[in-house]
Protein backbone atom coordinates (compact mmCIF):
# COMPACT_ATOMS: atom_id res chain seq x y z
CA MET A 1 0.00 0.00 0.00
CA GLY A 2 2.80 2.41 0.87
CA PHE A 3 4.60 1.86 -2.43
CA SER A 4 1.39 2.50 -4.37
CA ILE A 5 1.00 5.87 -2.69
CA ALA A 6 4.69 6.62 -3.24
CA LEU A 7 4.30 5.76 -6.92
CA ILE A 8 1.38 8.19 -7.28
CA VAL A 9 3.30 10.95 -5.50
CA PHE A 10 6.47 10.36 -7.56
CA SER A 11 4.41 10.28 -10.78
CA LEU A 12 2.80 13.63 -10.05
CA LEU A 13 6.10 15.14 -8.95
CA LEU A 14 7.85 13.82 -12.06
CA MET A 15 5.18 15.34 -14.32
CA LEU A 16 5.55 18.69 -12.57
CA LEU A 17 9.35 18.63 -12.81
CA VAL A 18 9.32 17.72 -16.50
CA LEU A 19 6.88 20.52 -17.25
CA MET A 20 9.13 22.99 -15.42
CA HIS A 21 12.04 22.34 -17.80
CA LYS A 22 12.85 24.91 -20.42
CA GLY A 23 12.15 23.89 -23.99
CA LYS A 24 15.24 23.18 -26.07
CA GLY A 25 13.37 23.64 -29.35
CA GLY A 26 11.89 21.30 -31.89
CA GLY A 27 9.36 19.67 -29.58
CA LEU A 28 5.99 20.24 -28.02
CA SER A 29 7.40 23.15 -26.04
CA ASP A 30 7.50 25.20 -29.26
CA MET A 31 3.77 24.72 -29.66
CA PHE A 32 3.13 26.36 -26.30
CA GLY A 33 5.63 29.18 -26.71
CA GLY A 34 8.61 27.60 -24.96
CA GLY A 35 10.85 27.88 -28.01
CA MET A 36 10.45 31.63 -28.31
CA GLN A 37 13.01 32.42 -25.63
CA SER A 38 16.66 32.48 -26.55
CA SER A 39 19.16 30.78 -24.30
CA VAL A 40 21.91 33.34 -23.86
CA GLY A 41 24.01 32.09 -20.99
CA GLY A 42 23.73 28.34 -21.23
CA SER A 43 22.33 26.41 -18.32
CA SER A 44 22.09 28.10 -14.97
CA VAL A 45 22.56 26.55 -11.55
CA ALA A 46 18.78 26.34 -11.11
CA GLU A 47 18.40 24.42 -14.38
CA ARG A 48 21.16 21.99 -13.46
CA ASN A 49 19.61 21.43 -10.04
CA LEU A 50 16.23 20.88 -11.68
CA ASP A 51 17.86 18.31 -13.97
CA ARG A 52 19.40 16.51 -10.99
CA ILE A 53 16.16 16.50 -9.02
CA THR A 54 14.27 15.19 -12.06
CA VAL A 55 16.74 12.33 -12.49
CA VAL A 56 16.54 11.39 -8.79
CA VAL A 57 12.73 11.45 -8.79
CA GLY A 58 12.72 9.41 -12.01
CA LEU A 59 14.98 6.79 -10.43
CA LEU A 60 12.79 6.64 -7.33
CA TRP A 61 9.73 6.26 -9.57
CA PHE A 62 11.40 3.39 -11.42
CA ALA A 63 12.42 1.74 -8.12
CA CYS A 64 8.81 1.93 -6.88
CA ILE A 65 7.61 0.18 -10.03
CA ILE A 66 10.18 -2.61 -9.57
CA VAL A 67 9.28 -3.07 -5.90
CA LEU A 68 5.56 -3.13 -6.68
CA ALA A 69 6.14 -5.71 -9.40
CA LEU A 70 8.12 -7.90 -7.00
CA VAL A 71 5.47 -7.55 -4.29
CA MET A 72 2.68 -8.46 -6.70
CA LYS A 73 4.69 -11.45 -7.96
CA THR A 74 5.28 -12.82 -4.46
CA ASN A 75 1.65 -12.27 -3.41
CA SER A 76 0.21 -14.28 -6.29
C-alpha cells in the first residue's frame, strides 16, 4: 500500500518537474511558446539542479515500479 502511494506521489512530482524544464526547441514546447526564448548564458545553476532533481525522482519512480512488481509477484 505504501509503495502504491509513493508511486502516485512520484508520478505527479515527475510530471511537474518535467513541465518545469525549459524547452530546447523542436518539440511540443515550441507549440506552447517555450521555443520563443533564446538561451543566452547556457544552463544556470537552477536548471542543473532541476535536472538533478528530475533524475533522482525518475529513479525513485522506477524503483517503486520494480518493488511493486516484485510484491505483486510474491503475493500471487
